[in-house]
């Protein structure tokens, strides 16, 4: 019997032996098991799954408070904006011309003279949010912000900015302590 024929005669036997050892040494589980509801679950400990779910929920919470903050800005709602910002918030933004601004007075000017007087519709979308959770009390979110609005002639316009915001939870409430916004200065006009 030629050697190649002998090899192919033993291949099914080798596969069967390999499967036997794999199943017996893994407790009958492969790396991923399928639950009856069709969801694949890792065979690792359930604490990892719970931690992952907790992380996902916390990241969603950061996206939600960021959306609420941007809604307050779009609506010219300085009262809600200040509730969501630390009183000594710092920022780099196009309106500050490359300078670091601290506190809310710089932003108050724009709320009183631009955003609160805007009666035209504004629609904002957060694209590709990426969140870093920093312990239990801090988080960083980076994203692209697309703002759709009507210009002074009533023509639809779109502006884009790249934003990073640092959130800190104080007394159970998330507040912005720093943000960095790149792109064009606020384009929404009266």
Protein backbone atom coordinates (compact mmCIF):
# COMPACT_ATOMS: atom_id res chain seq x y z
CA UNK A 1 0.00 0.00 0.00
CA UNK A 2 1.55 3.32 -1.03
CA UNK A 3 2.32 5.76 1.77
CA UNK A 4 -0.14 8.44 0.57
CA UNK A 5 -3.02 5.96 0.58
CA UNK A 6 -2.10 4.91 4.12
CA UNK A 7 -2.08 8.57 5.22
CA UNK A 8 -5.56 9.25 3.78
CA UNK A 9 -6.89 6.07 5.36
CA UNK A 10 -5.94 7.42 8.82
CA UNK A 11 -7.23 11.03 8.34
CA UNK A 12 -10.82 10.29 9.53
CA UNK A 13 -9.38 8.47 12.55
CA UNK A 14 -7.11 11.46 13.38
CA UNK A 15 -10.05 13.88 13.08
CA UNK A 16 -12.20 11.71 15.37
CA UNK A 17 -9.42 11.47 17.99
CA UNK A 18 -8.85 15.27 17.84
CA UNK A 19 -12.54 15.99 18.34
CA UNK A 20 -12.71 13.53 21.25
CA UNK A 21 -9.83 15.24 23.07
CA UNK A 22 -11.12 18.74 22.29
CA UNK A 23 -14.61 18.02 23.64
CA UNK A 24 -13.43 16.07 26.69
CA UNK A 25 -10.88 18.74 27.72
CA UNK A 26 -13.20 21.72 27.20
CA UNK A 27 -16.04 20.33 29.30
CA UNK A 28 -18.13 19.79 26.18
CA UNK A 29 -18.08 23.50 25.24
CA UNK A 30 -16.48 25.24 22.34
CA UNK A 31 -15.25 28.84 22.66
CA UNK A 32 -18.72 30.17 21.82
CA UNK A 33 -21.99 28.48 22.71
CA UNK A 34 -25.35 29.18 21.20
CA UNK A 35 -28.25 29.89 23.51
CA UNK A 36 -31.74 28.82 22.51
CA UNK A 37 -32.69 32.43 21.72
CA UNK A 38 -30.06 32.60 18.98
CA UNK A 39 -27.70 34.91 20.87
CA UNK A 40 -24.10 33.78 20.94
CA UNK A 41 -22.52 33.92 24.35
CA UNK A 42 -18.92 33.52 25.37
CA UNK A 43 -18.17 30.53 27.56
CA UNK A 44 -16.17 32.83 29.84
CA UNK A 45 -17.48 33.87 33.25
CA UNK A 46 -20.78 35.72 33.46
CA UNK A 47 -19.13 38.56 35.43
CA UNK A 48 -17.45 39.63 32.18
CA UNK A 49 -20.84 39.70 30.43
CA UNK A 50 -22.36 41.77 33.26
CA UNK A 51 -19.39 44.15 33.21
CA UNK A 52 -19.72 44.56 29.44
CA UNK A 53 -23.44 45.33 29.81
CA UNK A 54 -22.66 47.86 32.55
CA UNK A 55 -20.04 49.49 30.33
CA UNK A 56 -22.49 49.66 27.40
CA UNK A 57 -25.17 51.27 29.60
CA UNK A 58 -22.71 53.82 31.00
CA UNK A 59 -21.52 54.75 27.51
CA UNK A 60 -25.12 55.22 26.38
CA UNK A 61 -25.66 57.48 29.38
CA UNK A 62 -22.73 59.68 28.25
CA UNK A 63 -24.16 59.90 24.72
CA UNK A 64 -27.57 60.85 26.16
CA UNK A 65 -26.25 63.66 28.38
CA UNK A 66 -24.15 64.94 25.47
CA UNK A 67 -27.28 65.06 23.29
CA UNK A 68 -29.12 66.95 26.06
CA UNK A 69 -26.27 69.45 26.32
CA UNK A 70 -26.26 70.05 22.56
CA UNK A 71 -30.06 70.43 22.63
CA UNK A 72 -29.71 73.13 25.30
CA UNK A 73 -27.15 74.91 23.09
CA UNK A 74 -29.31 74.63 19.95
CA UNK A 75 -32.35 75.96 21.85
CA UNK A 76 -30.42 78.85 23.41
CA UNK A 77 -31.25 77.46 26.87
CA UNK A 78 -28.48 78.94 29.01
CA UNK A 79 -30.17 77.85 32.25
CA UNK A 80 -30.03 74.15 31.36
CA UNK A 81 -26.59 74.57 29.81
CA UNK A 82 -25.19 75.96 33.08
CA UNK A 83 -26.71 73.05 35.02
CA UNK A 84 -24.77 70.66 32.80
CA UNK A 85 -21.45 72.53 33.05
CA UNK A 86 -19.03 72.87 35.92
CA UNK A 87 -18.89 76.60 36.83
CA UNK A 88 -15.15 76.61 36.00
CA UNK A 89 -15.50 74.68 32.74
CA UNK A 90 -12.56 75.13 30.37
CA UNK A 91 -12.70 75.10 26.58
CA UNK A 92 -10.79 75.46 23.37
CA UNK A 93 -13.17 76.47 20.58
CA UNK A 94 -13.04 78.44 17.33
CA UNK A 95 -14.81 81.47 18.85
CA UNK A 96 -11.96 81.79 21.40
CA UNK A 97 -9.42 82.15 18.57
CA UNK A 98 -7.09 79.47 19.94
CA UNK A 99 -7.27 80.67 23.55
CA UNK A 100 -8.29 78.57 26.52
CA UNK A 101 -11.43 80.06 28.06
CA UNK A 102 -12.57 79.32 31.60
CA UNK A 103 -15.99 79.67 33.15
CA UNK A 104 -19.38 80.38 31.63
CA UNK A 105 -19.19 84.14 30.92
CA UNK A 106 -17.60 83.63 27.51
CA UNK A 107 -20.43 81.29 26.54
CA UNK A 108 -23.14 83.51 28.04
CA UNK A 109 -22.41 86.10 25.34
CA UNK A 110 -23.29 83.63 22.57
CA UNK A 111 -26.42 82.43 24.32
CA UNK A 112 -27.70 85.98 24.87
CA UNK A 113 -26.78 87.34 21.45
CA UNK A 114 -27.02 84.45 19.05
CA UNK A 115 -28.55 81.15 20.08
CA UNK A 116 -31.45 82.40 22.20
CA UNK A 117 -32.50 84.81 19.43
CA UNK A 118 -32.45 82.16 16.71
CA UNK A 119 -36.03 81.26 15.78
CA UNK A 120 -35.07 79.11 12.79
CA UNK A 121 -35.01 75.32 13.07
CA UNK A 122 -31.70 73.68 13.97
CA UNK A 123 -31.01 69.95 13.74
CA UNK A 124 -27.87 68.41 15.23
CA UNK A 125 -26.52 64.89 14.72
CA UNK A 126 -23.72 63.22 16.65
CA UNK A 127 -21.72 60.90 14.39
CA UNK A 128 -19.32 58.13 15.42
CA UNK A 129 -19.27 58.79 19.17
CA UNK A 130 -16.32 57.19 20.94
CA UNK A 131 -16.44 57.05 24.73
CA UNK A 132 -13.64 56.43 27.22
CA UNK A 133 -14.91 55.62 30.71
CA UNK A 134 -12.44 56.86 33.30
CA UNK A 135 -13.42 55.08 36.48
CA UNK A 136 -16.95 55.49 37.83
CA UNK A 137 -17.00 59.30 37.95
CA UNK A 138 -15.50 60.50 34.66
CA UNK A 139 -15.83 59.96 30.93
CA UNK A 140 -14.53 61.39 27.68
CA UNK A 141 -16.59 61.47 24.50
CA UNK A 142 -15.24 62.36 21.05
CA UNK A 143 -17.48 62.69 17.99
CA UNK A 144 -18.31 64.56 14.82
CA UNK A 145 -21.16 67.04 15.18
CA UNK A 146 -23.25 67.88 12.12
CA UNK A 147 -25.50 70.93 12.48
CA UNK A 148 -28.20 71.68 9.92
CA UNK A 149 -29.76 75.15 9.95
CA UNK A 150 -31.24 77.85 7.74
CA UNK A 151 -29.02 80.82 6.84
CA UNK A 152 -30.16 84.46 6.79
CA UNK A 153 -31.76 83.90 3.36
CA UNK A 154 -33.64 80.82 4.53
CA UNK A 155 -31.37 78.44 2.62
CA UNK A 156 -30.47 75.11 4.26
CA UNK A 157 -26.85 74.86 5.42
CA UNK A 158 -24.74 72.25 7.12
CA UNK A 159 -21.77 72.81 9.45
CA UNK A 160 -19.40 70.24 10.89
CA UNK A 161 -17.28 70.34 14.01
CA UNK A 162 -15.10 67.81 15.77
CA UNK A 163 -15.74 67.77 19.50
CA UNK A 164 -14.30 66.18 22.61
CA UNK A 165 -16.03 66.61 25.95
CA UNK A 166 -14.87 65.56 29.41
CA UNK A 167 -17.70 64.68 31.79
CA UNK A 168 -17.38 64.40 35.57
CA UNK A 169 -20.12 63.02 37.79
CA UNK A 170 -20.66 65.22 40.86
CA UNK A 171 -23.36 64.37 43.39
CA UNK A 172 -24.82 61.83 40.95
CA UNK A 173 -25.09 64.38 38.12
CA UNK A 174 -22.89 64.55 35.00
CA UNK A 175 -21.23 67.91 34.28
CA UNK A 176 -18.85 69.07 31.55
CA UNK A 177 -15.46 70.10 32.98
CA UNK A 178 -13.66 70.63 29.65
CA UNK A 179 -14.35 70.53 25.93
CA UNK A 180 -12.49 71.08 22.73
CA UNK A 181 -14.29 71.96 19.52
CA UNK A 182 -12.62 72.27 16.13
CA UNK A 183 -14.16 73.51 12.92
CA UNK A 184 -15.85 76.74 11.96
CA UNK A 185 -17.14 79.23 14.55
CA UNK A 186 -20.85 78.98 15.29
CA UNK A 187 -22.58 79.59 12.01
CA UNK A 188 -26.15 79.91 13.19
CA UNK A 189 -27.32 83.45 12.57
CA UNK A 190 -30.41 85.41 13.55
